[in-house]
Amino acid sequence: MTSEPTPFEQPCPIRDVLDRIGDQWSLLVLEALSEQTWRFNTLQREIGDVSKQMLSKTLRRLEQDGFVTRTIYPEVPPRVEYALTDLGRSFMEPLNVLINWADVHHLAIVESRRACRE
């Protein structure tokens, strides 16, 4: 007989999700994929300075968590495309709020950092 896990055995939902999407690249990947479906190399160029290894790792984690889907087309050479899932698209609403907040408040944050260094 299997018992239900206690609340302390389950990870904190906030920490669990933020730990996975709060790394350096995940939000940029999600934001790029919100525009359209991308192939790996095109996505890498769109994001900029992310290495192939880090982009691959980030996409794999986002796929494991259900934010991204990977479609492999049986062509020679194989074509692979990445797109947001319904879960990934649903995350774009709060992410866009965060992006807009960052745009509005970025100058104040930079000025605060500068003032603390002086």
N, C-alpha and C. Protein backbone atom coordinates (compact mmCIF):
# COMPACT_ATOMS: atom_id res chain seq x y z
N MET A 1 0.85 -1.18 0.00
CA MET A 1 0.00 0.00 0.00
C MET A 1 0.89 1.24 0.00
N THR A 2 0.59 2.18 -0.91
CA THR A 2 1.36 3.41 -1.01
C THR A 2 0.66 4.52 -0.27
N SER A 3 1.40 5.21 0.56
CA SER A 3 0.80 6.32 1.28
C SER A 3 1.04 7.62 0.52
N GLU A 4 0.16 8.59 0.74
CA GLU A 4 0.30 9.90 0.12
C GLU A 4 1.51 10.61 0.73
N PRO A 5 2.27 11.33 -0.10
CA PRO A 5 3.42 12.06 0.45
C PRO A 5 2.95 13.19 1.36
N THR A 6 3.71 13.43 2.39
CA THR A 6 3.39 14.54 3.28
C THR A 6 3.78 15.84 2.60
N PRO A 7 3.24 16.96 3.07
CA PRO A 7 3.59 18.25 2.45
C PRO A 7 5.09 18.52 2.46
N PHE A 8 5.80 18.00 3.45
CA PHE A 8 7.23 18.25 3.54
C PHE A 8 8.03 17.39 2.57
N GLU A 9 7.43 16.34 2.02
CA GLU A 9 8.11 15.49 1.05
C GLU A 9 7.96 16.04 -0.37
N GLN A 10 7.01 16.94 -0.57
CA GLN A 10 6.80 17.53 -1.88
C GLN A 10 7.56 18.85 -1.95
N PRO A 11 8.15 19.15 -3.11
CA PRO A 11 8.87 20.41 -3.21
C PRO A 11 7.90 21.59 -3.17
N CYS A 12 8.41 22.71 -2.70
CA CYS A 12 7.62 23.94 -2.73
C CYS A 12 7.32 24.27 -4.18
N PRO A 13 6.06 24.42 -4.56
CA PRO A 13 5.73 24.66 -5.97
C PRO A 13 6.41 25.91 -6.53
N ILE A 14 6.48 26.97 -5.75
CA ILE A 14 7.09 28.20 -6.24
C ILE A 14 8.58 27.98 -6.49
N ARG A 15 9.27 27.43 -5.51
CA ARG A 15 10.71 27.20 -5.65
C ARG A 15 10.99 26.20 -6.77
N ASP A 16 10.17 25.15 -6.84
CA ASP A 16 10.37 24.12 -7.86
C ASP A 16 10.28 24.71 -9.26
N VAL A 17 9.26 25.52 -9.52
CA VAL A 17 9.08 26.10 -10.86
C VAL A 17 10.13 27.18 -11.12
N LEU A 18 10.34 28.08 -10.16
CA LEU A 18 11.29 29.16 -10.38
C LEU A 18 12.72 28.66 -10.53
N ASP A 19 13.08 27.58 -9.84
CA ASP A 19 14.40 27.01 -10.01
C ASP A 19 14.61 26.52 -11.44
N ARG A 20 13.56 26.03 -12.06
CA ARG A 20 13.69 25.48 -13.41
C ARG A 20 13.64 26.56 -14.49
N ILE A 21 12.84 27.59 -14.30
CA ILE A 21 12.73 28.60 -15.35
C ILE A 21 13.51 29.86 -15.05
N GLY A 22 14.09 29.93 -13.85
CA GLY A 22 14.79 31.14 -13.44
C GLY A 22 16.27 31.15 -13.76
N ASP A 23 16.73 30.24 -14.60
CA ASP A 23 18.15 30.25 -14.95
C ASP A 23 18.41 31.34 -15.99
N GLN A 24 19.63 31.43 -16.44
CA GLN A 24 20.03 32.51 -17.33
C GLN A 24 19.34 32.46 -18.70
N TRP A 25 18.96 31.28 -19.19
CA TRP A 25 18.51 31.16 -20.57
C TRP A 25 17.04 30.80 -20.76
N SER A 26 16.41 30.16 -19.81
CA SER A 26 15.05 29.64 -20.02
C SER A 26 14.05 30.71 -20.42
N LEU A 27 14.05 31.84 -19.72
CA LEU A 27 13.08 32.88 -20.05
C LEU A 27 13.33 33.45 -21.44
N LEU A 28 14.59 33.57 -21.83
CA LEU A 28 14.89 34.06 -23.18
C LEU A 28 14.43 33.07 -24.24
N VAL A 29 14.60 31.78 -23.98
CA VAL A 29 14.15 30.75 -24.92
C VAL A 29 12.62 30.79 -25.02
N LEU A 30 11.95 30.84 -23.89
CA LEU A 30 10.48 30.88 -23.90
C LEU A 30 9.97 32.12 -24.63
N GLU A 31 10.59 33.25 -24.38
CA GLU A 31 10.17 34.49 -25.04
C GLU A 31 10.37 34.40 -26.55
N ALA A 32 11.51 33.83 -26.98
CA ALA A 32 11.77 33.68 -28.41
C ALA A 32 10.75 32.73 -29.05
N LEU A 33 10.43 31.64 -28.36
CA LEU A 33 9.48 30.67 -28.90
C LEU A 33 8.04 31.18 -28.87
N SER A 34 7.78 32.23 -28.10
CA SER A 34 6.42 32.79 -28.09
C SER A 34 6.08 33.44 -29.42
N GLU A 35 7.11 33.83 -30.16
CA GLU A 35 6.92 34.47 -31.45
C GLU A 35 6.57 33.46 -32.55
N GLN A 36 7.28 32.32 -32.53
CA GLN A 36 7.08 31.33 -33.59
C GLN A 36 7.84 30.05 -33.25
N THR A 37 7.68 29.05 -34.10
CA THR A 37 8.43 27.80 -34.01
C THR A 37 9.81 28.05 -34.61
N TRP A 38 10.84 27.52 -33.95
CA TRP A 38 12.21 27.73 -34.42
C TRP A 38 12.95 26.41 -34.56
N ARG A 39 13.87 26.37 -35.50
CA ARG A 39 14.85 25.30 -35.57
C ARG A 39 16.00 25.69 -34.64
N PHE A 40 16.79 24.70 -34.22
CA PHE A 40 17.82 24.91 -33.21
C PHE A 40 18.78 26.06 -33.57
N ASN A 41 19.41 25.99 -34.75
CA ASN A 41 20.41 27.00 -35.10
C ASN A 41 19.80 28.39 -35.24
N THR A 42 18.60 28.47 -35.76
CA THR A 42 17.93 29.76 -35.89
C THR A 42 17.59 30.32 -34.52
N LEU A 43 17.14 29.45 -33.62
CA LEU A 43 16.85 29.87 -32.25
C LEU A 43 18.12 30.36 -31.56
N GLN A 44 19.22 29.67 -31.78
CA GLN A 44 20.48 30.09 -31.18
C GLN A 44 20.88 31.48 -31.68
N ARG A 45 20.73 31.72 -32.97
CA ARG A 45 21.05 33.04 -33.52
C ARG A 45 20.11 34.10 -32.96
N GLU A 46 18.84 33.76 -32.81
CA GLU A 46 17.84 34.71 -32.29
C GLU A 46 18.19 35.13 -30.87
N ILE A 47 18.62 34.19 -30.05
CA ILE A 47 18.93 34.49 -28.64
C ILE A 47 20.27 35.22 -28.53
N GLY A 48 21.23 34.82 -29.34
CA GLY A 48 22.50 35.53 -29.31
C GLY A 48 23.63 34.72 -28.72
N ASP A 49 24.09 35.10 -27.55
CA ASP A 49 25.34 34.57 -27.02
C ASP A 49 25.23 33.27 -26.23
N VAL A 50 24.20 32.49 -26.45
CA VAL A 50 24.07 31.19 -25.78
C VAL A 50 24.85 30.14 -26.58
N SER A 51 25.59 29.29 -25.85
CA SER A 51 26.33 28.23 -26.53
C SER A 51 25.38 27.13 -26.98
N LYS A 52 25.82 26.31 -27.94
CA LYS A 52 25.01 25.19 -28.41
C LYS A 52 24.71 24.24 -27.25
N GLN A 53 25.71 23.97 -26.43
CA GLN A 53 25.55 23.06 -25.30
C GLN A 53 24.52 23.59 -24.30
N MET A 54 24.60 24.87 -23.97
CA MET A 54 23.66 25.44 -23.00
C MET A 54 22.26 25.53 -23.58
N LEU A 55 22.14 25.87 -24.85
CA LEU A 55 20.81 25.92 -25.47
C LEU A 55 20.20 24.53 -25.50
N SER A 56 20.99 23.54 -25.85
CA SER A 56 20.50 22.16 -25.87
C SER A 56 20.03 21.72 -24.49
N LYS A 57 20.81 22.02 -23.47
CA LYS A 57 20.44 21.67 -22.09
C LYS A 57 19.16 22.40 -21.67
N THR A 58 19.07 23.67 -22.00
CA THR A 58 17.89 24.47 -21.64
C THR A 58 16.64 23.94 -22.33
N LEU A 59 16.74 23.66 -23.62
CA LEU A 59 15.59 23.12 -24.36
C LEU A 59 15.17 21.77 -23.81
N ARG A 60 16.13 20.93 -23.46
CA ARG A 60 15.81 19.61 -22.90
C ARG A 60 15.05 19.76 -21.58
N ARG A 61 15.50 20.65 -20.72
CA ARG A 61 14.82 20.87 -19.43
C ARG A 61 13.42 21.45 -19.64
N LEU A 62 13.29 22.39 -20.55
CA LEU A 62 11.97 22.97 -20.81
C LEU A 62 11.03 21.94 -21.42
N GLU A 63 11.58 21.03 -22.21
CA GLU A 63 10.77 19.94 -22.77
C GLU A 63 10.35 18.98 -21.67
N GLN A 64 11.26 18.63 -20.77
CA GLN A 64 10.93 17.73 -19.65
C GLN A 64 9.83 18.31 -18.78
N ASP A 65 9.85 19.63 -18.59
CA ASP A 65 8.85 20.28 -17.74
C ASP A 65 7.55 20.59 -18.48
N GLY A 66 7.50 20.31 -19.77
CA GLY A 66 6.25 20.48 -20.52
C GLY A 66 6.03 21.86 -21.11
N PHE A 67 7.05 22.73 -21.09
CA PHE A 67 6.91 24.08 -21.66
C PHE A 67 7.13 24.08 -23.17
N VAL A 68 7.97 23.16 -23.65
CA VAL A 68 8.41 23.15 -25.04
C VAL A 68 8.19 21.76 -25.63
N THR A 69 7.85 21.75 -26.90
CA THR A 69 7.77 20.49 -27.62
C THR A 69 8.84 20.48 -28.71
N ARG A 70 9.37 19.32 -28.95
CA ARG A 70 10.39 19.12 -29.99
C ARG A 70 9.81 18.18 -31.03
N THR A 71 9.79 18.62 -32.28
CA THR A 71 9.26 17.81 -33.36
C THR A 71 10.40 17.46 -34.31
N ILE A 72 10.58 16.16 -34.55
CA ILE A 72 11.61 15.69 -35.46
C ILE A 72 10.93 15.24 -36.74
N TYR A 73 11.37 15.80 -37.87
CA TYR A 73 10.81 15.43 -39.16
C TYR A 73 11.76 14.44 -39.84
N PRO A 74 11.20 13.33 -40.34
CA PRO A 74 12.04 12.28 -40.94
C PRO A 74 12.53 12.67 -42.33
N GLU A 75 13.47 13.59 -42.35
CA GLU A 75 14.07 14.06 -43.60
C GLU A 75 15.56 13.78 -43.53
N VAL A 76 16.24 13.98 -44.63
CA VAL A 76 17.70 13.84 -44.64
C VAL A 76 18.27 15.19 -45.05
N PRO A 77 18.98 15.85 -44.17
CA PRO A 77 19.18 15.52 -42.76
C PRO A 77 17.90 15.79 -41.97
N PRO A 78 17.77 15.17 -40.79
CA PRO A 78 16.56 15.37 -39.99
C PRO A 78 16.37 16.85 -39.63
N ARG A 79 15.13 17.27 -39.69
CA ARG A 79 14.77 18.65 -39.31
C ARG A 79 14.11 18.56 -37.95
N VAL A 80 14.57 19.40 -37.02
CA VAL A 80 14.02 19.43 -35.66
C VAL A 80 13.52 20.84 -35.40
N GLU A 81 12.29 20.95 -34.92
CA GLU A 81 11.71 22.26 -34.59
C GLU A 81 11.24 22.27 -33.15
N TYR A 82 11.33 23.44 -32.56
CA TYR A 82 10.91 23.65 -31.17
C TYR A 82 9.78 24.66 -31.14
N ALA A 83 8.79 24.39 -30.28
CA ALA A 83 7.64 25.27 -30.15
C ALA A 83 7.14 25.21 -28.71
N LEU A 84 6.38 26.22 -28.33
CA LEU A 84 5.75 26.20 -27.01
C LEU A 84 4.58 25.24 -27.00
N THR A 85 4.38 24.58 -25.89
CA THR A 85 3.19 23.77 -25.67
C THR A 85 2.08 24.68 -25.14
N ASP A 86 0.92 24.13 -24.89
CA ASP A 86 -0.15 24.92 -24.27
C ASP A 86 0.31 25.45 -22.91
N LEU A 87 1.02 24.62 -22.15
CA LEU A 87 1.54 25.06 -20.85
C LEU A 87 2.52 26.22 -21.04
N GLY A 88 3.41 26.10 -22.01
CA GLY A 88 4.37 27.17 -22.29
C GLY A 88 3.68 28.46 -22.70
N ARG A 89 2.65 28.35 -23.55
CA ARG A 89 1.90 29.54 -23.96
C ARG A 89 1.17 30.16 -22.77
N SER A 90 0.66 29.33 -21.87
CA SER A 90 -0.04 29.88 -20.70
C SER A 90 0.93 30.62 -19.79
N PHE A 91 2.20 30.23 -19.80
CA PHE A 91 3.20 30.91 -18.98
C PHE A 91 3.58 32.28 -19.55
N MET A 92 3.31 32.52 -20.82
CA MET A 92 3.70 33.77 -21.44
C MET A 92 2.94 34.96 -20.86
N GLU A 93 1.73 34.76 -20.40
CA GLU A 93 0.98 35.89 -19.82
C GLU A 93 1.70 36.47 -18.60
N PRO A 94 2.03 35.67 -17.57
CA PRO A 94 2.78 36.26 -16.45
C PRO A 94 4.20 36.66 -16.85
N LEU A 95 4.81 35.95 -17.79
CA LEU A 95 6.16 36.32 -18.22
C LEU A 95 6.14 37.68 -18.91
N ASN A 96 5.13 37.95 -19.73
CA ASN A 96 5.04 39.26 -20.38
C ASN A 96 4.85 40.38 -19.37
N VAL A 97 4.13 40.11 -18.29
CA VAL A 97 4.00 41.11 -17.23
C VAL A 97 5.37 41.40 -16.63
N LEU A 98 6.15 40.35 -16.37
CA LEU A 98 7.50 40.52 -15.84
C LEU A 98 8.39 41.28 -16.82
N ILE A 99 8.32 40.94 -18.10
CA ILE A 99 9.12 41.62 -19.12
C ILE A 99 8.76 43.11 -19.17
N ASN A 100 7.47 43.42 -19.15
CA ASN A 100 7.05 44.83 -19.18
C ASN A 100 7.50 45.56 -17.92
N TRP A 101 7.40 44.90 -16.76
CA TRP A 101 7.85 45.51 -15.51
C TRP A 101 9.34 45.81 -15.59
N ALA A 102 10.12 44.86 -16.09
CA ALA A 102 11.56 45.05 -16.22
C ALA A 102 11.87 46.22 -17.15
N ASP A 103 11.16 46.32 -18.27
CA ASP A 103 11.38 47.43 -19.20
C ASP A 103 11.10 48.77 -18.53
N VAL A 104 10.01 48.87 -17.79
CA VAL A 104 9.63 50.12 -17.14
C VAL A 104 10.60 50.50 -16.02
N HIS A 105 11.09 49.52 -15.26
CA HIS A 105 11.88 49.81 -14.07
C HIS A 105 13.38 49.61 -14.21
N HIS A 106 13.83 49.22 -15.38
CA HIS A 106 15.25 48.91 -15.56
C HIS A 106 16.15 50.11 -15.24
N LEU A 107 15.82 51.27 -15.71
CA LEU A 107 16.64 52.45 -15.45
C LEU A 107 16.75 52.74 -13.95
N ALA A 108 15.64 52.62 -13.23
CA ALA A 108 15.67 52.85 -11.78
C ALA A 108 16.56 51.83 -11.07
N ILE A 109 16.54 50.59 -11.53
CA ILE A 109 17.38 49.55 -10.94
C ILE A 109 18.85 49.84 -11.21
N VAL A 110 19.16 50.21 -12.44
CA VAL A 110 20.55 50.54 -12.79
C VAL A 110 21.03 51.73 -11.97
N GLU A 111 20.21 52.74 -11.83
CA GLU A 111 20.59 53.92 -11.04
C GLU A 111 20.79 53.56 -9.57
N SER A 112 19.97 52.68 -9.04
CA SER A 112 20.12 52.23 -7.66
C SER A 112 21.43 51.47 -7.48
N ARG A 113 21.77 50.62 -8.42
CA ARG A 113 23.04 49.89 -8.35
C ARG A 113 24.21 50.86 -8.37
N ARG A 114 24.13 51.85 -9.26
CA ARG A 114 25.19 52.84 -9.38
C ARG A 114 25.35 53.61 -8.07
N ALA A 115 24.23 54.01 -7.45
CA ALA A 115 24.28 54.75 -6.20
C ALA A 115 24.89 53.93 -5.08
N CYS A 116 24.66 52.63 -5.06
CA CYS A 116 25.23 51.78 -4.01
C CYS A 116 26.73 51.60 -4.17
N ARG A 117 27.24 51.73 -5.38
CA ARG A 117 28.69 51.60 -5.61
C ARG A 117 29.43 52.86 -5.25
N GLU A 118 28.74 53.97 -5.22
CA GLU A 118 29.40 55.27 -4.95
C GLU A 118 29.65 55.49 -3.48
